[in-house]
Amino acid sequence: INKCIDVFTKHYLKQHSNRRLTWQPNIGNAELKATFSGRRHEINVSTYQMCVLLLFNAADCISYADIATATKIPPPDLKRALQSLACGKFRILTKEPKGRDVDEGDAFHFNAGFTSKQLKFKVGTVSAQRESEAEKLETRQKVDEDRKPQIEAAIVRTMKSRKEMEHNALIAEVTSQLMSRFAVGPHVIKKRIESLIEREFMEREKSNYKMYKYLA
């Protein structure tokens, strides 16, 4: 999987040198083919579930710790993936000890005795627990950090085209460009402008503090 990611990343960045590519495996899915008791099934799973199931091509029993080490899936997502596979409607895996919750001391077995009348089916993912306030803050900070390059790119693109621009007009133009992707407040754009000025991508006019000039 990593090899495929590396190949596509190199291809994409070669075609779009000024863009940033971020992979989000937590929202992906995959189609797997598996045989149980001589019967072939096509299974739709999440990307994380796929990573877990592929490990069982090499072993019938794997501990939680070994799965975590091999996949490097974030613990909350890994526990949800394993819970879906071992405790849900389609129990492709079994776990020891038995129970509805997944703990770090559990071990998981390939369920060779699994049966289903459906040749094609989808393994759902159990709902995530509600985030704590600290987790919400961490998620918000990560999203804000990921958006900084996109905001700065919109500012530079606009200034490169216009050469000079007044503060409110620049804010309005950048807001309009980013509207289809995400909402951004004027104060956030202002911070990115300040950062670009510090890095000498642009400057303020000495005679008019609200006018910006692009630096080639």
C-alpha atoms as a PDB file:
ATOM      1  CA  ILE A   1       0.000   0.000   0.000  1.00  0.00           C
ATOM      2  CA  ASN A   2       2.808   2.402   0.926  1.00  0.00           C
ATOM      3  CA  LYS A   3       4.493   1.702  -2.397  1.00  0.00           C
ATOM      4  CA  CYS A   4       1.302   2.633  -4.262  1.00  0.00           C
ATOM      5  CA  ILE A   5       0.972   5.796  -2.180  1.00  0.00           C
ATOM      6  CA  ASP A   6       4.584   6.794  -2.919  1.00  0.00           C
ATOM      7  CA  VAL A   7       4.165   6.216  -6.665  1.00  0.00           C
ATOM      8  CA  PHE A   8       0.956   8.259  -6.882  1.00  0.00           C
ATOM      9  CA  THR A   9       2.348  11.037  -4.638  1.00  0.00           C
ATOM     10  CA  LYS A  10       5.397  11.479  -6.888  1.00  0.00           C
ATOM     11  CA  HIS A  11       3.163  11.504  -9.985  1.00  0.00           C
ATOM     12  CA  TYR A  12       0.707  14.012  -8.481  1.00  0.00           C
ATOM     13  CA  LEU A  13       3.362  16.439  -7.193  1.00  0.00           C
ATOM     14  CA  LYS A  14       5.151  16.277 -10.536  1.00  0.00           C
ATOM     15  CA  GLN A  15       1.940  17.407 -12.232  1.00  0.00           C
ATOM     16  CA  HIS A  16       1.002  19.947  -9.507  1.00  0.00           C
ATOM     17  CA  SER A  17       4.230  21.253  -7.959  1.00  0.00           C
ATOM     18  CA  ASN A  18       2.546  24.021  -5.921  1.00  0.00           C
ATOM     19  CA  ARG A  19      -0.026  21.782  -4.246  1.00  0.00           C
ATOM     20  CA  ARG A  20       0.021  19.727  -1.070  1.00  0.00           C
ATOM     21  CA  LEU A  21      -1.264  16.155  -1.037  1.00  0.00           C
ATOM     22  CA  THR A  22      -2.683  14.837   2.239  1.00  0.00           C
ATOM     23  CA  TRP A  23      -3.846  11.218   2.572  1.00  0.00           C
ATOM     24  CA  GLN A  24      -6.911  10.520   4.719  1.00  0.00           C
ATOM     25  CA  PRO A  25      -7.152   6.732   5.175  1.00  0.00           C
ATOM     26  CA  ASN A  26      -9.836   7.142   7.823  1.00  0.00           C
ATOM     27  CA  ILE A  27     -12.421   7.957   5.130  1.00  0.00           C
ATOM     28  CA  GLY A  28     -11.345   5.461   2.445  1.00  0.00           C
ATOM     29  CA  ASN A  29     -12.733   2.024   1.563  1.00  0.00           C
ATOM     30  CA  ALA A  30     -11.673  -1.091  -0.325  1.00  0.00           C
ATOM     31  CA  GLU A  31     -13.050  -4.232  -1.947  1.00  0.00           C
ATOM     32  CA  LEU A  32     -11.543  -7.532  -0.752  1.00  0.00           C
ATOM     33  CA  LYS A  33     -12.079 -11.075  -1.971  1.00  0.00           C
ATOM     34  CA  ALA A  34     -11.943 -13.836   0.633  1.00  0.00           C
ATOM     35  CA  THR A  35     -12.801 -17.521   0.795  1.00  0.00           C
ATOM     36  CA  PHE A  36     -14.541 -19.071   3.807  1.00  0.00           C
ATOM     37  CA  SER A  37     -15.312 -22.807   3.874  1.00  0.00           C
ATOM     38  CA  GLY A  38     -14.761 -23.000   0.115  1.00  0.00           C
ATOM     39  CA  ARG A  39     -17.178 -20.132  -0.625  1.00  0.00           C
ATOM     40  CA  ARG A  40     -15.842 -16.918  -2.169  1.00  0.00           C
ATOM     41  CA  HIS A  41     -17.074 -13.538  -0.913  1.00  0.00           C
ATOM     42  CA  GLU A  42     -16.555  -9.929  -1.964  1.00  0.00           C
ATOM     43  CA  ILE A  43     -16.286  -7.689   1.078  1.00  0.00           C
ATOM     44  CA  ASN A  44     -16.459  -3.905   1.221  1.00  0.00           C
ATOM     45  CA  VAL A  45     -14.384  -2.610   4.145  1.00  0.00           C
ATOM     46  CA  SER A  46     -12.797   0.618   5.343  1.00  0.00           C
ATOM     47  CA  THR A  47      -9.127   1.272   4.546  1.00  0.00           C
ATOM     48  CA  TYR A  48      -8.168   0.573   8.154  1.00  0.00           C
ATOM     49  CA  GLN A  49     -10.143  -2.694   8.170  1.00  0.00           C
ATOM     50  CA  MET A  50      -8.403  -3.691   4.945  1.00  0.00           C
ATOM     51  CA  CYS A  51      -4.964  -3.103   6.494  1.00  0.00           C
ATOM     52  CA  VAL A  52      -5.912  -5.305   9.442  1.00  0.00           C
ATOM     53  CA  LEU A  53      -7.369  -8.131   7.340  1.00  0.00           C
ATOM     54  CA  LEU A  54      -4.386  -8.295   4.982  1.00  0.00           C
ATOM     55  CA  LEU A  55      -2.185  -9.227   7.946  1.00  0.00           C
ATOM     56  CA  PHE A  56      -4.126 -12.478   8.288  1.00  0.00           C
ATOM     57  CA  ASN A  57      -2.791 -13.674   4.930  1.00  0.00           C
ATOM     58  CA  ALA A  58       0.404 -14.476   6.828  1.00  0.00           C
ATOM     59  CA  ALA A  59      -0.935 -15.591  10.229  1.00  0.00           C
ATOM     60  CA  ASP A  60      -4.130 -17.028  11.717  1.00  0.00           C
ATOM     61  CA  CYS A  61      -3.721 -15.350  15.108  1.00  0.00           C
ATOM     62  CA  ILE A  62      -2.286 -11.884  15.786  1.00  0.00           C
ATOM     63  CA  SER A  63      -2.170  -9.879  19.006  1.00  0.00           C
ATOM     64  CA  TYR A  64      -3.502  -6.340  19.263  1.00  0.00           C
ATOM     65  CA  ALA A  65       0.036  -5.084  19.903  1.00  0.00           C
ATOM     66  CA  ASP A  66       1.387  -6.741  16.750  1.00  0.00           C
ATOM     67  CA  ILE A  67      -1.488  -5.364  14.647  1.00  0.00           C
ATOM     68  CA  ALA A  68      -0.855  -1.875  16.027  1.00  0.00           C
ATOM     69  CA  THR A  69       2.875  -2.118  15.272  1.00  0.00           C
ATOM     70  CA  ALA A  70       2.351  -3.444  11.749  1.00  0.00           C
ATOM     71  CA  THR A  71      -0.362  -0.993  10.665  1.00  0.00           C
ATOM     72  CA  LYS A  72       0.488   2.121  12.731  1.00  0.00           C
ATOM     73  CA  ILE A  73      -3.232   2.937  12.765  1.00  0.00           C
ATOM     74  CA  PRO A  74      -4.133   5.496  15.483  1.00  0.00           C
ATOM     75  CA  PRO A  75      -5.368   3.560  18.580  1.00  0.00           C
ATOM     76  CA  PRO A  76      -8.980   4.876  18.573  1.00  0.00           C
ATOM     77  CA  ASP A  77      -9.378   4.015  14.871  1.00  0.00           C
ATOM     78  CA  LEU A  78      -7.682   0.623  15.274  1.00  0.00           C
ATOM     79  CA  LYS A  79      -9.985  -0.363  18.130  1.00  0.00           C
ATOM     80  CA  ARG A  80     -13.031   0.640  16.064  1.00  0.00           C
ATOM     81  CA  ALA A  81     -11.781  -1.353  13.070  1.00  0.00           C
ATOM     82  CA  LEU A  82     -11.134  -4.465  15.173  1.00  0.00           C
ATOM     83  CA  GLN A  83     -14.429  -4.123  17.007  1.00  0.00           C
ATOM     84  CA  SER A  84     -16.251  -3.938  13.655  1.00  0.00           C
ATOM     85  CA  LEU A  85     -14.473  -7.045  12.353  1.00  0.00           C
ATOM     86  CA  ALA A  86     -14.717  -9.178  15.504  1.00  0.00           C
ATOM     87  CA  CYS A  87     -17.842  -7.981  17.307  1.00  0.00           C
ATOM     88  CA  GLY A  88     -20.185  -6.727  14.582  1.00  0.00           C
ATOM     89  CA  LYS A  89     -22.711  -8.318  12.241  1.00  0.00           C
ATOM     90  CA  PHE A  90     -20.065  -9.948  10.025  1.00  0.00           C
ATOM     91  CA  ARG A  91     -17.515 -11.522  12.359  1.00  0.00           C
ATOM     92  CA  ILE A  92     -14.649 -12.180   9.991  1.00  0.00           C
ATOM     93  CA  LEU A  93     -12.343 -12.276  13.009  1.00  0.00           C
ATOM     94  CA  THR A  94     -12.812 -13.680  16.497  1.00  0.00           C
ATOM     95  CA  LYS A  95     -11.142 -12.310  19.590  1.00  0.00           C
ATOM     96  CA  GLU A  96      -9.838 -13.548  22.904  1.00  0.00           C
ATOM     97  CA  PRO A  97     -11.079 -12.920  25.460  1.00  0.00           C
ATOM     98  CA  LYS A  98     -14.620 -12.636  24.128  1.00  0.00           C
ATOM     99  CA  GLY A  99     -16.520  -9.404  24.674  1.00  0.00           C
ATOM    100  CA  ARG A 100     -17.888  -6.301  22.968  1.00  0.00           C
ATOM    101  CA  ASP A 101     -14.925  -4.057  23.740  1.00  0.00           C
ATOM    102  CA  VAL A 102     -11.394  -4.209  22.332  1.00  0.00           C
ATOM    103  CA  ASP A 103      -8.465  -3.969  24.736  1.00  0.00           C
ATOM    104  CA  GLU A 104      -4.728  -3.806  24.124  1.00  0.00           C
ATOM    105  CA  GLY A 105      -4.238  -7.270  25.616  1.00  0.00           C
ATOM    106  CA  ASP A 106      -6.622  -8.982  23.164  1.00  0.00           C
ATOM    107  CA  ALA A 107      -5.647 -11.475  20.471  1.00  0.00           C
ATOM    108  CA  PHE A 108      -7.474 -11.895  17.165  1.00  0.00           C
ATOM    109  CA  HIS A 109      -8.042 -15.025  15.052  1.00  0.00           C
ATOM    110  CA  PHE A 110      -9.081 -15.426  11.430  1.00  0.00           C
ATOM    111  CA  ASN A 111     -12.601 -16.896  11.576  1.00  0.00           C
ATOM    112  CA  ALA A 112     -12.259 -19.815   9.145  1.00  0.00           C
ATOM    113  CA  GLY A 113     -15.766 -20.957  10.087  1.00  0.00           C
ATOM    114  CA  PHE A 114     -17.406 -17.683   9.067  1.00  0.00           C
ATOM    115  CA  THR A 115     -20.520 -18.091   6.925  1.00  0.00           C
ATOM    116  CA  SER A 116     -22.863 -15.668   5.203  1.00  0.00           C
ATOM    117  CA  LYS A 117     -25.680 -16.093   2.720  1.00  0.00           C
ATOM    118  CA  GLN A 118     -24.543 -12.906   1.007  1.00  0.00           C
ATOM    119  CA  LEU A 119     -21.744 -13.248  -1.547  1.00  0.00           C
ATOM    120  CA  LYS A 120     -21.222  -9.498  -1.384  1.00  0.00           C
ATOM    121  CA  PHE A 121     -21.525  -7.520   1.827  1.00  0.00           C
ATOM    122  CA  LYS A 122     -20.211  -4.434   3.595  1.00  0.00           C
ATOM    123  CA  VAL A 123     -18.610  -4.429   7.041  1.00  0.00           C
ATOM    124  CA  GLY A 124     -19.786  -1.288   8.801  1.00  0.00           C
ATOM    125  CA  THR A 125     -17.621   0.684  11.196  1.00  0.00           C
ATOM    126  CA  VAL A 126     -18.839   1.179  14.749  1.00  0.00           C
ATOM    127  CA  SER A 127     -19.547   4.777  15.685  1.00  0.00           C
ATOM    128  CA  ALA A 128     -16.759   6.746  17.285  1.00  0.00           C
ATOM    129  CA  GLN A 129     -17.084   7.816  20.878  1.00  0.00           C
ATOM    130  CA  ARG A 130     -17.742  11.509  21.410  1.00  0.00           C
ATOM    131  CA  GLU A 131     -14.559  13.548  21.511  1.00  0.00           C
ATOM    132  CA  SER A 132     -13.493  15.158  24.760  1.00  0.00           C
ATOM    133  CA  GLU A 133     -12.943  18.920  24.794  1.00  0.00           C
ATOM    134  CA  ALA A 134      -9.167  18.349  24.668  1.00  0.00           C
ATOM    135  CA  GLU A 135      -9.553  16.052  21.635  1.00  0.00           C
ATOM    136  CA  LYS A 136     -11.827  18.581  19.904  1.00  0.00           C
ATOM    137  CA  LEU A 137      -9.223  21.298  20.477  1.00  0.00           C
ATOM    138  CA  GLU A 138      -6.457  19.069  19.120  1.00  0.00           C
ATOM    139  CA  THR A 139      -8.529  18.245  16.022  1.00  0.00           C
ATOM    140  CA  ARG A 140      -9.328  21.917  15.457  1.00  0.00           C
ATOM    141  CA  GLN A 141      -5.655  22.882  15.750  1.00  0.00           C
ATOM    142  CA  LYS A 142      -4.641  20.165  13.285  1.00  0.00           C
ATOM    143  CA  VAL A 143      -7.277  21.296  10.759  1.00  0.00           C
ATOM    144  CA  ASP A 144      -6.160  24.928  11.124  1.00  0.00           C
ATOM    145  CA  GLU A 145      -2.524  23.911  10.614  1.00  0.00           C
ATOM    146  CA  ASP A 146      -3.379  21.914   7.471  1.00  0.00           C
ATOM    147  CA  ARG A 147      -5.261  24.892   6.014  1.00  0.00           C
ATOM    148  CA  LYS A 148      -2.432  27.423   6.405  1.00  0.00           C
ATOM    149  CA  PRO A 149      -0.649  26.484   3.113  1.00  0.00           C
ATOM    150  CA  GLN A 150      -3.932  26.735   1.175  1.00  0.00           C
ATOM    151  CA  ILE A 151      -4.713  30.188   2.603  1.00  0.00           C
ATOM    152  CA  GLU A 152      -1.203  31.435   1.898  1.00  0.00           C
ATOM    153  CA  ALA A 153      -1.301  30.028  -1.636  1.00  0.00           C
ATOM    154  CA  ALA A 154      -4.535  31.942  -2.310  1.00  0.00           C
ATOM    155  CA  ILE A 155      -2.991  35.167  -0.973  1.00  0.00           C
ATOM    156  CA  VAL A 156       0.196  34.798  -3.024  1.00  0.00           C
ATOM    157  CA  ARG A 157      -1.763  33.845  -6.150  1.00  0.00           C
ATOM    158  CA  THR A 158      -3.937  36.952  -5.803  1.00  0.00           C
ATOM    159  CA  MET A 159      -1.071  39.323  -5.051  1.00  0.00           C
ATOM    160  CA  LYS A 160       1.037  37.925  -7.892  1.00  0.00           C
ATOM    161  CA  SER A 161      -1.831  38.670 -10.256  1.00  0.00           C
ATOM    162  CA  ARG A 162      -2.799  42.109  -8.898  1.00  0.00           C
ATOM    163  CA  LYS A 163       0.674  43.311  -7.775  1.00  0.00           C
ATOM    164  CA  GLU A 164      -0.915  45.801  -5.362  1.00  0.00           C
ATOM    165  CA  MET A 165      -4.080  45.452  -3.330  1.00  0.00           C
ATOM    166  CA  GLU A 166      -5.914  47.068  -0.447  1.00  0.00           C
ATOM    167  CA  HIS A 167      -6.391  45.047   2.760  1.00  0.00           C
ATOM    168  CA  ASN A 168     -10.193  44.630   2.671  1.00  0.00           C
ATOM    169  CA  ALA A 169     -10.178  43.820  -1.049  1.00  0.00           C
ATOM    170  CA  LEU A 170      -7.533  41.135  -0.517  1.00  0.00           C
ATOM    171  CA  ILE A 171      -9.501  39.618   2.379  1.00  0.00           C
ATOM    172  CA  ALA A 172     -12.660  39.502   0.227  1.00  0.00           C
ATOM    173  CA  GLU A 173     -10.849  37.940  -2.744  1.00  0.00           C
ATOM    174  CA  VAL A 174      -9.149  35.222  -0.671  1.00  0.00           C
ATOM    175  CA  THR A 175     -12.403  34.444   1.149  1.00  0.00           C
ATOM    176  CA  SER A 176     -14.153  34.057  -2.207  1.00  0.00           C
ATOM    177  CA  GLN A 177     -11.447  31.747  -3.595  1.00  0.00           C
ATOM    178  CA  LEU A 178     -11.550  29.439  -0.572  1.00  0.00           C
ATOM    179  CA  MET A 179     -15.335  29.435  -0.122  1.00  0.00           C
ATOM    180  CA  SER A 180     -15.823  26.212  -2.083  1.00  0.00           C
ATOM    181  CA  ARG A 181     -13.316  24.369   0.165  1.00  0.00           C
ATOM    182  CA  PHE A 182     -13.864  25.795   3.643  1.00  0.00           C
ATOM    183  CA  ALA A 183     -14.946  28.928   5.490  1.00  0.00           C
ATOM    184  CA  VAL A 184     -12.155  31.170   6.752  1.00  0.00           C
ATOM    185  CA  GLY A 185     -12.413  34.248   8.963  1.00  0.00           C
ATOM    186  CA  PRO A 186     -10.743  37.607   8.205  1.00  0.00           C
ATOM    187  CA  HIS A 187      -8.538  37.325  11.313  1.00  0.00           C
ATOM    188  CA  VAL A 188      -7.122  34.013  10.058  1.00  0.00           C
ATOM    189  CA  ILE A 189      -6.304  35.497   6.643  1.00  0.00           C
ATOM    190  CA  LYS A 190      -4.734  38.512   8.354  1.00  0.00           C
ATOM    191  CA  LYS A 191      -2.381  36.245  10.314  1.00  0.00           C
ATOM    192  CA  ARG A 192      -1.267  34.518   7.103  1.00  0.00           C
ATOM    193  CA  ILE A 193      -0.694  37.938   5.485  1.00  0.00           C
ATOM    194  CA  GLU A 194       1.522  38.919   8.427  1.00  0.00           C
ATOM    195  CA  SER A 195       3.449  35.670   8.042  1.00  0.00           C
ATOM    196  CA  LEU A 196       3.986  36.292   4.311  1.00  0.00           C
ATOM    197  CA  ILE A 197       5.194  39.815   5.025  1.00  0.00           C
ATOM    198  CA  GLU A 198       7.707  38.465   7.555  1.00  0.00           C
ATOM    199  CA  ARG A 199       8.965  36.018   4.908  1.00  0.00           C
ATOM    200  CA  GLU A 200       9.162  38.843   2.338  1.00  0.00           C
ATOM    201  CA  PHE A 201       6.581  37.540  -0.123  1.00  0.00           C
ATOM    202  CA  MET A 202       4.839  40.916   0.123  1.00  0.00           C
ATOM    203  CA  GLU A 203       5.104  44.229   1.943  1.00  0.00           C
ATOM    204  CA  ARG A 204       3.012  47.162   3.139  1.00  0.00           C
ATOM    205  CA  GLU A 205       3.218  50.468   1.333  1.00  0.00           C
ATOM    206  CA  LYS A 206       4.948  53.035   3.529  1.00  0.00           C
ATOM    207  CA  SER A 207       2.500  55.782   2.591  1.00  0.00           C
ATOM    208  CA  ASN A 208      -0.615  53.621   3.126  1.00  0.00           C
ATOM    209  CA  TYR A 209      -0.534  50.942   5.827  1.00  0.00           C
ATOM    210  CA  LYS A 210      -3.598  49.173   4.370  1.00  0.00           C
ATOM    211  CA  MET A 211      -2.063  48.706   0.916  1.00  0.00           C
ATOM    212  CA  TYR A 212       0.006  45.621   0.126  1.00  0.00           C
ATOM    213  CA  LYS A 213       2.587  45.205  -2.604  1.00  0.00           C
ATOM    214  CA  TYR A 214       3.720  41.888  -4.068  1.00  0.00           C
ATOM    215  CA  LEU A 215       7.457  41.171  -3.987  1.00  0.00           C
ATOM    216  CA  ALA A 216       8.601  39.140  -6.973  1.00  0.00           C
END
